[in-house]
Amino acid sequence: MSALPVEISEWKPAPFDLKGETVFAIGDVHGCAAELRALLATIARLAGEADGRRRLIYLGDMINRGPDSIGVLEQWAGSEEAHGVDHVDRLMGNHEIMMMLTVVGGPHAHKAETMWLSKRMGGHILLDQMAARAGRPAAHADQGLLHDALGEAVVHRLQGMRSHVRLGNTVFVHGGLDPHAEVEEFLARPWLIFTEARWAWINHGFLDWKQGFGGTLVVHGHTPPDKHKAISGMDDTHLFEGDRLCLDGGSARTGIVAAAEIRQGRYRILKAGIAFENPASSDAE
């Protein structure tokens, strides 16, 4: 099967200061393994052309909805060498939070599982994939199913996910920042508190904020283009504006997985896949 197309935009100016690193950041993938494969091949090629330290940051929401979340996770868990970069950071999205809370248990486990397995969130698709891979029916996800279906290497990566990466003047995070909260306190909230870890869930109050974040630039995913536009008023949601850059292409709902190559003072957008119309509800994130 031929590789899916990857569109690379022209360079655009933006005041990123990444301490000399070239950063590739990938937005929401949601089980779109073929699109991620095409994107990673392009990133490896572009990384080979870059000078200095090269970093890849996954912004979270690798799983659910799409046809092959396990295939996505197997690529996501690959080494720096496999990705063609010097360092890989794997951030946690709200979809990973729902799955991990389901698996580890605790006071939020039941609500997280109900939300995760809902049609809107699409976790039932991944649960079915894991059951098939493990060779047994599964009505619930637990640590045994995760290990049997995903393998030790992927589970190890899942257990090591981070809330954010700060590099120079930029924070990379799944959802965004609350302009009314102290940044470090906001980002330090543990994922175990579920939706109160708002760095993985926020969109209203972040995308419609026009006054910046105290000099911090924010690269994020989480909010697909149609919902982003409804909140921010932006026609092109993949432009750097308001000290934000969103890299959610809509993935399983649009056919597009988006990313960016970010260098000192500039960035360009990478989009893998073939756009299609999906009648899924516009409030999914």
C-alpha atoms as a PDB file:
ATOM      1  CA  MET A   1       0.000   0.000   0.000  1.00  0.00           C
ATOM      2  CA  SER A   2       1.399   3.414  -0.943  1.00  0.00           C
ATOM      3  CA  ALA A   3       2.138   5.904   1.804  1.00  0.00           C
ATOM      4  CA  LEU A   4      -0.437   8.548   2.588  1.00  0.00           C
ATOM      5  CA  PRO A   5       0.398  12.101   1.493  1.00  0.00           C
ATOM      6  CA  VAL A   6       1.995  14.579   3.885  1.00  0.00           C
ATOM      7  CA  GLU A   7       1.487  18.287   3.245  1.00  0.00           C
ATOM      8  CA  ILE A   8       4.226  20.624   4.491  1.00  0.00           C
ATOM      9  CA  SER A   9       3.399  24.325   4.787  1.00  0.00           C
ATOM     10  CA  GLU A  10       5.703  27.236   4.191  1.00  0.00           C
ATOM     11  CA  TRP A  11       7.690  28.500   7.158  1.00  0.00           C
ATOM     12  CA  LYS A  12       5.869  31.101   9.235  1.00  0.00           C
ATOM     13  CA  PRO A  13       7.436  33.503  11.748  1.00  0.00           C
ATOM     14  CA  ALA A  14       6.689  33.143  15.477  1.00  0.00           C
ATOM     15  CA  PRO A  15       8.738  34.094  18.555  1.00  0.00           C
ATOM     16  CA  PHE A  16       9.711  30.557  19.587  1.00  0.00           C
ATOM     17  CA  ASP A  17      12.950  30.281  21.565  1.00  0.00           C
ATOM     18  CA  LEU A  18      13.692  26.567  22.010  1.00  0.00           C
ATOM     19  CA  LYS A  19      17.294  26.853  23.212  1.00  0.00           C
ATOM     20  CA  GLY A  20      18.617  25.896  19.807  1.00  0.00           C
ATOM     21  CA  GLU A  21      16.636  22.676  19.461  1.00  0.00           C
ATOM     22  CA  THR A  22      14.493  21.652  16.506  1.00  0.00           C
ATOM     23  CA  VAL A  23      11.197  20.311  17.847  1.00  0.00           C
ATOM     24  CA  PHE A  24       8.680  18.154  16.027  1.00  0.00           C
ATOM     25  CA  ALA A  25       5.348  18.139  17.879  1.00  0.00           C
ATOM     26  CA  ILE A  26       2.531  15.756  16.930  1.00  0.00           C
ATOM     27  CA  GLY A  27      -1.087  16.440  17.809  1.00  0.00           C
ATOM     28  CA  ASP A  28      -3.984  14.050  18.407  1.00  0.00           C
ATOM     29  CA  VAL A  29      -3.709  10.735  16.512  1.00  0.00           C
ATOM     30  CA  HIS A  30      -6.720   8.782  17.878  1.00  0.00           C
ATOM     31  CA  GLY A  31      -5.885   5.402  16.395  1.00  0.00           C
ATOM     32  CA  CYS A  32      -4.949   6.636  12.916  1.00  0.00           C
ATOM     33  CA  ALA A  33      -1.900   4.400  12.527  1.00  0.00           C
ATOM     34  CA  ALA A  34      -1.406   4.813   8.768  1.00  0.00           C
ATOM     35  CA  GLU A  35      -1.480   8.597   9.033  1.00  0.00           C
ATOM     36  CA  LEU A  36       1.002   8.525  11.911  1.00  0.00           C
ATOM     37  CA  ARG A  37       3.306   6.212   9.955  1.00  0.00           C
ATOM     38  CA  ALA A  38       3.381   8.644   7.021  1.00  0.00           C
ATOM     39  CA  LEU A  39       3.954  11.592   9.341  1.00  0.00           C
ATOM     40  CA  LEU A  40       6.804   9.884  11.200  1.00  0.00           C
ATOM     41  CA  ALA A  41       8.543   9.008   7.937  1.00  0.00           C
ATOM     42  CA  THR A  42       8.437  12.671   6.937  1.00  0.00           C
ATOM     43  CA  ILE A  43       9.620  13.794  10.363  1.00  0.00           C
ATOM     44  CA  ALA A  44      12.562  11.381  10.229  1.00  0.00           C
ATOM     45  CA  ARG A  45      13.560  12.827   6.862  1.00  0.00           C
ATOM     46  CA  LEU A  46      13.252  16.428   8.037  1.00  0.00           C
ATOM     47  CA  ALA A  47      15.126  15.617  11.256  1.00  0.00           C
ATOM     48  CA  GLY A  48      17.972  14.272   9.154  1.00  0.00           C
ATOM     49  CA  GLU A  49      18.240  17.699   7.510  1.00  0.00           C
ATOM     50  CA  ALA A  50      18.225  19.636  10.797  1.00  0.00           C
ATOM     51  CA  ASP A  51      21.279  20.881  12.630  1.00  0.00           C
ATOM     52  CA  GLY A  52      21.679  20.540  16.395  1.00  0.00           C
ATOM     53  CA  ARG A  53      19.538  18.620  18.836  1.00  0.00           C
ATOM     54  CA  ARG A  54      16.274  17.213  17.471  1.00  0.00           C
ATOM     55  CA  ARG A  55      13.333  16.466  19.737  1.00  0.00           C
ATOM     56  CA  LEU A  56       9.965  14.807  19.075  1.00  0.00           C
ATOM     57  CA  ILE A  57       7.041  15.576  21.383  1.00  0.00           C
ATOM     58  CA  TYR A  58       3.798  13.627  21.267  1.00  0.00           C
ATOM     59  CA  LEU A  59       1.052  15.902  22.612  1.00  0.00           C
ATOM     60  CA  GLY A  60      -1.301  13.122  23.760  1.00  0.00           C
ATOM     61  CA  ASP A  61      -4.542  11.447  22.648  1.00  0.00           C
ATOM     62  CA  MET A  62      -2.888   8.666  20.701  1.00  0.00           C
ATOM     63  CA  ILE A  63      -5.777   6.279  21.377  1.00  0.00           C
ATOM     64  CA  ASN A  64      -9.527   5.661  20.859  1.00  0.00           C
ATOM     65  CA  ARG A  65     -11.918   6.279  17.956  1.00  0.00           C
ATOM     66  CA  GLY A  66      -9.674   5.290  15.049  1.00  0.00           C
ATOM     67  CA  PRO A  67      -9.139   1.871  13.488  1.00  0.00           C
ATOM     68  CA  ASP A  68      -5.766   0.918  15.003  1.00  0.00           C
ATOM     69  CA  SER A  69      -4.875   2.387  18.391  1.00  0.00           C
ATOM     70  CA  ILE A  70      -2.549  -0.545  19.115  1.00  0.00           C
ATOM     71  CA  GLY A  71      -0.635   0.158  15.905  1.00  0.00           C
ATOM     72  CA  VAL A  72      -0.353   3.792  16.950  1.00  0.00           C
ATOM     73  CA  LEU A  73       0.945   2.892  20.400  1.00  0.00           C
ATOM     74  CA  GLU A  74       3.546   0.535  18.961  1.00  0.00           C
ATOM     75  CA  GLN A  75       4.923   3.358  16.786  1.00  0.00           C
ATOM     76  CA  TRP A  76       4.607   5.890  19.631  1.00  0.00           C
ATOM     77  CA  ALA A  77       6.620   3.650  21.961  1.00  0.00           C
ATOM     78  CA  GLY A  78       9.567   3.383  19.564  1.00  0.00           C
ATOM     79  CA  SER A  79      13.051   4.506  20.544  1.00  0.00           C
ATOM     80  CA  GLU A  80      14.792   7.745  19.617  1.00  0.00           C
ATOM     81  CA  GLU A  81      16.718   5.813  16.984  1.00  0.00           C
ATOM     82  CA  ALA A  82      13.499   4.465  15.485  1.00  0.00           C
ATOM     83  CA  HIS A  83      12.119   8.005  15.285  1.00  0.00           C
ATOM     84  CA  GLY A  84      15.321   9.508  13.847  1.00  0.00           C
ATOM     85  CA  VAL A  85      15.653  12.091  16.645  1.00  0.00           C
ATOM     86  CA  ASP A  86      17.757  12.669  19.740  1.00  0.00           C
ATOM     87  CA  HIS A  87      14.967  12.712  22.303  1.00  0.00           C
ATOM     88  CA  VAL A  88      11.264  11.751  22.503  1.00  0.00           C
ATOM     89  CA  ASP A  89       8.737  13.134  25.007  1.00  0.00           C
ATOM     90  CA  ARG A  90       5.344  11.469  25.394  1.00  0.00           C
ATOM     91  CA  LEU A  91       2.666  13.665  26.953  1.00  0.00           C
ATOM     92  CA  MET A  92      -0.608  12.528  28.433  1.00  0.00           C
ATOM     93  CA  GLY A  93      -3.911  13.467  26.855  1.00  0.00           C
ATOM     94  CA  ASN A  94      -7.362  13.255  28.364  1.00  0.00           C
ATOM     95  CA  HIS A  95      -7.994   9.995  26.483  1.00  0.00           C
ATOM     96  CA  GLU A  96      -4.939   8.371  28.058  1.00  0.00           C
ATOM     97  CA  ILE A  97      -6.102   9.655  31.449  1.00  0.00           C
ATOM     98  CA  MET A  98      -9.487   7.946  31.032  1.00  0.00           C
ATOM     99  CA  MET A  99      -7.897   4.629  30.087  1.00  0.00           C
ATOM    100  CA  MET A 100      -5.234   4.700  32.796  1.00  0.00           C
ATOM    101  CA  LEU A 101      -7.719   5.625  35.535  1.00  0.00           C
ATOM    102  CA  THR A 102      -9.883   2.708  34.396  1.00  0.00           C
ATOM    103  CA  VAL A 103      -6.918   0.367  34.675  1.00  0.00           C
ATOM    104  CA  VAL A 104      -5.353   1.540  37.944  1.00  0.00           C
ATOM    105  CA  GLY A 105      -8.630   1.958  39.839  1.00  0.00           C
ATOM    106  CA  GLY A 106      -9.308   4.486  42.570  1.00  0.00           C
ATOM    107  CA  PRO A 107     -12.144   6.899  43.329  1.00  0.00           C
ATOM    108  CA  HIS A 108     -12.501   8.119  39.740  1.00  0.00           C
ATOM    109  CA  ALA A 109     -12.213   4.734  38.016  1.00  0.00           C
ATOM    110  CA  HIS A 110     -15.924   4.052  37.447  1.00  0.00           C
ATOM    111  CA  LYS A 111     -16.689   7.498  36.022  1.00  0.00           C
ATOM    112  CA  ALA A 112     -13.530   7.411  33.904  1.00  0.00           C
ATOM    113  CA  GLU A 113     -14.418   3.987  32.492  1.00  0.00           C
ATOM    114  CA  THR A 114     -17.985   5.037  31.707  1.00  0.00           C
ATOM    115  CA  MET A 115     -16.703   8.099  29.876  1.00  0.00           C
ATOM    116  CA  TRP A 116     -13.861   6.228  28.149  1.00  0.00           C
ATOM    117  CA  LEU A 117     -16.101   3.464  26.788  1.00  0.00           C
ATOM    118  CA  SER A 118     -18.795   5.868  25.569  1.00  0.00           C
ATOM    119  CA  LYS A 119     -19.477   6.230  21.872  1.00  0.00           C
ATOM    120  CA  ARG A 120     -18.412   9.876  22.066  1.00  0.00           C
ATOM    121  CA  MET A 121     -14.965   9.070  23.437  1.00  0.00           C
ATOM    122  CA  GLY A 122     -14.499   5.858  21.470  1.00  0.00           C
ATOM    123  CA  GLY A 123     -12.632   3.799  24.037  1.00  0.00           C
ATOM    124  CA  HIS A 124     -14.847   0.803  23.291  1.00  0.00           C
ATOM    125  CA  ILE A 125     -13.027   0.492  19.964  1.00  0.00           C
ATOM    126  CA  LEU A 126      -9.654   0.188  21.685  1.00  0.00           C
ATOM    127  CA  LEU A 127     -11.058  -2.226  24.286  1.00  0.00           C
ATOM    128  CA  ASP A 128     -12.262  -4.489  21.454  1.00  0.00           C
ATOM    129  CA  GLN A 129      -8.842  -4.236  19.779  1.00  0.00           C
ATOM    130  CA  MET A 130      -7.072  -5.190  22.994  1.00  0.00           C
ATOM    131  CA  ALA A 131      -9.424  -8.117  23.623  1.00  0.00           C
ATOM    132  CA  ALA A 132      -8.800  -9.403  20.100  1.00  0.00           C
ATOM    133  CA  ARG A 133      -5.031  -9.027  20.483  1.00  0.00           C
ATOM    134  CA  ALA A 134      -5.091 -10.782  23.872  1.00  0.00           C
ATOM    135  CA  GLY A 135      -7.269 -13.572  22.446  1.00  0.00           C
ATOM    136  CA  ARG A 136     -10.027 -13.345  25.023  1.00  0.00           C
ATOM    137  CA  PRO A 137     -13.261 -11.405  25.507  1.00  0.00           C
ATOM    138  CA  ALA A 138     -12.994  -8.396  27.780  1.00  0.00           C
ATOM    139  CA  ALA A 139     -15.780  -6.236  29.158  1.00  0.00           C
ATOM    140  CA  HIS A 140     -13.318  -4.169  31.190  1.00  0.00           C
ATOM    141  CA  ALA A 141      -9.677  -3.116  30.903  1.00  0.00           C
ATOM    142  CA  ASP A 142      -7.262  -4.044  33.655  1.00  0.00           C
ATOM    143  CA  GLN A 143      -3.502  -4.229  33.994  1.00  0.00           C
ATOM    144  CA  GLY A 144      -3.407  -7.843  32.826  1.00  0.00           C
ATOM    145  CA  LEU A 145      -5.237  -6.989  29.602  1.00  0.00           C
ATOM    146  CA  LEU A 146      -2.952  -4.024  28.967  1.00  0.00           C
ATOM    147  CA  HIS A 147       0.166  -6.163  29.345  1.00  0.00           C
ATOM    148  CA  ASP A 148      -1.210  -9.039  27.257  1.00  0.00           C
ATOM    149  CA  ALA A 149      -2.516  -6.813  24.455  1.00  0.00           C
ATOM    150  CA  LEU A 150       0.092  -4.064  24.312  1.00  0.00           C
ATOM    151  CA  GLY A 151       3.260  -5.663  25.647  1.00  0.00           C
ATOM    152  CA  GLU A 152       5.748  -4.573  28.264  1.00  0.00           C
ATOM    153  CA  ALA A 153       7.434  -1.872  26.185  1.00  0.00           C
ATOM    154  CA  VAL A 154       4.211   0.017  25.430  1.00  0.00           C
ATOM    155  CA  VAL A 155       2.942  -0.301  29.006  1.00  0.00           C
ATOM    156  CA  HIS A 156       6.264   1.043  30.285  1.00  0.00           C
ATOM    157  CA  ARG A 157       5.863   4.097  28.037  1.00  0.00           C
ATOM    158  CA  LEU A 158       2.261   4.584  29.176  1.00  0.00           C
ATOM    159  CA  GLN A 159       3.401   4.580  32.783  1.00  0.00           C
ATOM    160  CA  GLY A 160       6.044   7.212  31.999  1.00  0.00           C
ATOM    161  CA  MET A 161       3.841   9.813  30.309  1.00  0.00           C
ATOM    162  CA  ARG A 162       4.323  13.428  31.368  1.00  0.00           C
ATOM    163  CA  SER A 163       1.896  16.327  31.772  1.00  0.00           C
ATOM    164  CA  HIS A 164       4.022  18.797  29.824  1.00  0.00           C
ATOM    165  CA  VAL A 165       7.430  19.814  28.534  1.00  0.00           C
ATOM    166  CA  ARG A 166       8.845  23.297  29.032  1.00  0.00           C
ATOM    167  CA  LEU A 167      11.588  24.247  26.581  1.00  0.00           C
ATOM    168  CA  GLY A 168      12.854  27.816  26.468  1.00  0.00           C
ATOM    169  CA  ASN A 169       9.855  30.150  26.309  1.00  0.00           C
ATOM    170  CA  THR A 170       7.426  27.395  25.245  1.00  0.00           C
ATOM    171  CA  VAL A 171       5.230  24.901  27.076  1.00  0.00           C
ATOM    172  CA  PHE A 172       4.060  21.794  25.235  1.00  0.00           C
ATOM    173  CA  VAL A 173       0.881  20.376  26.806  1.00  0.00           C
ATOM    174  CA  HIS A 174      -2.180  18.454  25.651  1.00  0.00           C
ATOM    175  CA  GLY A 175      -5.063  20.816  26.430  1.00  0.00           C
ATOM    176  CA  GLY A 176      -3.634  24.207  27.310  1.00  0.00           C
ATOM    177  CA  LEU A 177      -3.240  26.674  30.161  1.00  0.00           C
ATOM    178  CA  ASP A 178      -5.648  28.536  32.392  1.00  0.00           C
ATOM    179  CA  PRO A 179      -4.626  32.208  32.210  1.00  0.00           C
ATOM    180  CA  HIS A 180      -6.078  32.766  35.681  1.00  0.00           C
ATOM    181  CA  ALA A 181      -3.975  30.033  37.359  1.00  0.00           C
ATOM    182  CA  GLU A 182      -0.301  30.035  38.273  1.00  0.00           C
ATOM    183  CA  VAL A 183       1.356  28.102  35.457  1.00  0.00           C
ATOM    184  CA  GLU A 184       3.550  25.712  37.427  1.00  0.00           C
ATOM    185  CA  GLU A 185       0.802  24.871  39.930  1.00  0.00           C
ATOM    186  CA  PHE A 186      -1.652  24.287  37.092  1.00  0.00           C
ATOM    187  CA  LEU A 187       0.735  21.945  35.248  1.00  0.00           C
ATOM    188  CA  ALA A 188       1.658  20.082  38.441  1.00  0.00           C
ATOM    189  CA  ARG A 189      -1.874  18.825  39.064  1.00  0.00           C
ATOM    190  CA  PRO A 190      -1.684  14.998  38.916  1.00  0.00           C
ATOM    191  CA  TRP A 191      -3.624  13.104  36.268  1.00  0.00           C
ATOM    192  CA  LEU A 192      -5.091  10.938  39.036  1.00  0.00           C
ATOM    193  CA  ILE A 193      -7.505  13.774  39.882  1.00  0.00           C
ATOM    194  CA  PHE A 194      -9.201  13.175  36.507  1.00  0.00           C
ATOM    195  CA  THR A 195     -10.904  16.229  34.999  1.00  0.00           C
ATOM    196  CA  GLU A 196      -9.357  18.519  37.618  1.00  0.00           C
ATOM    197  CA  ALA A 197      -6.037  17.944  35.836  1.00  0.00           C
ATOM    198  CA  ARG A 198      -7.307  20.646  33.522  1.00  0.00           C
ATOM    199  CA  TRP A 199      -4.082  20.911  31.503  1.00  0.00           C
ATOM    200  CA  ALA A 200      -5.429  17.870  29.642  1.00  0.00           C
ATOM    201  CA  TRP A 201      -9.060  19.011  29.326  1.00  0.00           C
ATOM    202  CA  ILE A 202      -9.239  22.799  29.000  1.00  0.00           C
ATOM    203  CA  ASN A 203     -10.461  24.601  25.871  1.00  0.00           C
ATOM    204  CA  HIS A 204     -12.985  27.267  26.923  1.00  0.00           C
ATOM    205  CA  GLY A 205     -11.101  29.924  28.865  1.00  0.00           C
ATOM    206  CA  PHE A 206      -7.919  29.060  26.996  1.00  0.00           C
ATOM    207  CA  LEU A 207      -8.696  29.309  23.281  1.00  0.00           C
ATOM    208  CA  ASP A 208     -10.817  32.445  23.702  1.00  0.00           C
ATOM    209  CA  TRP A 209      -8.213  34.230  25.851  1.00  0.00           C
ATOM    210  CA  LYS A 210      -6.547  37.078  23.942  1.00  0.00           C
ATOM    211  CA  GLN A 211      -3.977  38.484  26.384  1.00  0.00           C
ATOM    212  CA  GLY A 212      -1.182  35.902  26.368  1.00  0.00           C
ATOM    213  CA  PHE A 213       0.255  33.792  29.162  1.00  0.00           C
ATOM    214  CA  GLY A 214       2.891  35.945  30.802  1.00  0.00           C
ATOM    215  CA  GLY A 215       5.441  35.433  28.050  1.00  0.00           C
ATOM    216  CA  THR A 216       4.912  31.676  27.766  1.00  0.00           C
ATOM    217  CA  LEU A 217       4.018  30.280  24.339  1.00  0.00           C
ATOM    218  CA  VAL A 218       1.770  27.202  24.272  1.00  0.00           C
ATOM    219  CA  VAL A 219       1.865  24.332  21.757  1.00  0.00           C
ATOM    220  CA  HIS A 220      -1.071  21.979  22.294  1.00  0.00           C
ATOM    221  CA  GLY A 221      -3.628  19.609  20.820  1.00  0.00           C
ATOM    222  CA  HIS A 222      -6.990  18.446  22.216  1.00  0.00           C
ATOM    223  CA  THR A 223      -9.469  20.697  20.393  1.00  0.00           C
ATOM    224  CA  PRO A 224     -10.345  19.728  16.781  1.00  0.00           C
ATOM    225  CA  PRO A 225     -10.636  22.459  14.153  1.00  0.00           C
ATOM    226  CA  ASP A 226     -14.425  22.856  14.144  1.00  0.00           C
ATOM    227  CA  LYS A 227     -14.709  23.198  17.912  1.00  0.00           C
ATOM    228  CA  HIS A 228     -11.585  25.372  18.069  1.00  0.00           C
ATOM    229  CA  LYS A 229     -13.047  27.751  15.482  1.00  0.00           C
ATOM    230  CA  ALA A 230     -16.323  27.972  17.422  1.00  0.00           C
ATOM    231  CA  ILE A 231     -14.409  28.994  20.564  1.00  0.00           C
ATOM    232  CA  SER A 232     -11.561  31.092  19.144  1.00  0.00           C
ATOM    233  CA  GLY A 233     -13.129  32.502  15.979  1.00  0.00           C
ATOM    234  CA  MET A 234     -10.044  31.459  13.984  1.00  0.00           C
ATOM    235  CA  ASP A 235     -10.609  30.272  10.420  1.00  0.00           C
ATOM    236  CA  ASP A 236      -7.251  28.471  10.313  1.00  0.00           C
ATOM    237  CA  THR A 237      -6.743  26.826  13.688  1.00  0.00           C
ATOM    238  CA  HIS A 238      -3.179  25.756  12.839  1.00  0.00           C
ATOM    239  CA  LEU A 239      -1.782  29.288  12.907  1.00  0.00           C
ATOM    240  CA  PHE A 240       0.236  30.678  15.794  1.00  0.00           C
ATOM    241  CA  GLU A 241      -2.044  33.306  17.314  1.00  0.00           C
ATOM    242  CA  GLY A 242      -2.637  34.598  20.836  1.00  0.00           C
ATOM    243  CA  ASP A 243       0.625  32.900  21.924  1.00  0.00           C
ATOM    244  CA  ARG A 244      -0.939  29.516  21.060  1.00  0.00           C
ATOM    245  CA  LEU A 245      -0.348  26.917  18.360  1.00  0.00           C
ATOM    246  CA  CYS A 246      -2.895  24.081  18.080  1.00  0.00           C
ATOM    247  CA  LEU A 247      -1.905  20.817  16.394  1.00  0.00           C
ATOM    248  CA  ASP A 248      -5.178  18.882  16.585  1.00  0.00           C
ATOM    249  CA  GLY A 249      -6.102  18.055  12.994  1.00  0.00           C
ATOM    250  CA  GLY A 250      -9.265  16.166  13.911  1.00  0.00           C
ATOM    251  CA  SER A 251      -7.596  12.793  13.124  1.00  0.00           C
ATOM    252  CA  ALA A 252     -10.243  10.034  13.181  1.00  0.00           C
ATOM    253  CA  ARG A 253     -12.991  12.579  12.467  1.00  0.00           C
ATOM    254  CA  THR A 254     -11.298  14.356   9.565  1.00  0.00           C
ATOM    255  CA  GLY A 255      -8.620  11.997   8.196  1.00  0.00           C
ATOM    256  CA  ILE A 256      -5.850  14.445   9.117  1.00  0.00           C
ATOM    257  CA  VAL A 257      -3.117  14.032  11.732  1.00  0.00           C
ATOM    258  CA  ALA A 258      -1.272  17.322  12.213  1.00  0.00           C
ATOM    259  CA  ALA A 259       2.170  18.200  13.517  1.00  0.00           C
ATOM    260  CA  ALA A 260       4.657  21.051  13.404  1.00  0.00           C
ATOM    261  CA  GLU A 261       8.367  21.518  12.941  1.00  0.00           C
ATOM    262  CA  ILE A 262       9.416  24.353  15.232  1.00  0.00           C
ATOM    263  CA  ARG A 263      12.769  26.112  15.109  1.00  0.00           C
ATOM    264  CA  GLN A 264      14.109  29.362  16.473  1.00  0.00           C
ATOM    265  CA  GLY A 265      11.656  32.089  15.468  1.00  0.00           C
ATOM    266  CA  ARG A 266       9.634  30.047  13.006  1.00  0.00           C
ATOM    267  CA  TYR A 267       7.436  26.999  12.453  1.00  0.00           C
ATOM    268  CA  ARG A 268       5.757  25.029   9.699  1.00  0.00           C
ATOM    269  CA  ILE A 269       2.758  22.694   9.771  1.00  0.00           C
ATOM    270  CA  LEU A 270       2.765  19.065   8.637  1.00  0.00           C
ATOM    271  CA  LYS A 271      -0.521  17.330   7.797  1.00  0.00           C
ATOM    272  CA  ALA A 272      -0.724  13.616   7.025  1.00  0.00           C
ATOM    273  CA  GLY A 273      -3.732  11.908   5.463  1.00  0.00           C
ATOM    274  CA  ILE A 274      -6.602  12.546   3.115  1.00  0.00           C
ATOM    275  CA  ALA A 275      -9.362  14.797   4.427  1.00  0.00           C
ATOM    276  CA  PHE A 276     -12.870  13.390   4.537  1.00  0.00           C
ATOM    277  CA  GLU A 277     -16.240  14.356   5.966  1.00  0.00           C
ATOM    278  CA  ASN A 278     -17.232  12.541   9.152  1.00  0.00           C
ATOM    279  CA  PRO A 279     -20.708  12.973  10.627  1.00  0.00           C
ATOM    280  CA  ALA A 280     -19.399  12.428  14.173  1.00  0.00           C
ATOM    281  CA  SER A 281     -20.564  15.014  16.675  1.00  0.00           C
ATOM    282  CA  SER A 282     -18.667  18.288  16.621  1.00  0.00           C
ATOM    283  CA  ASP A 283     -18.241  18.390  20.391  1.00  0.00           C
ATOM    284  CA  ALA A 284     -15.780  15.478  20.563  1.00  0.00           C
ATOM    285  CA  GLU A 285     -12.284  16.228  21.825  1.00  0.00           C
END
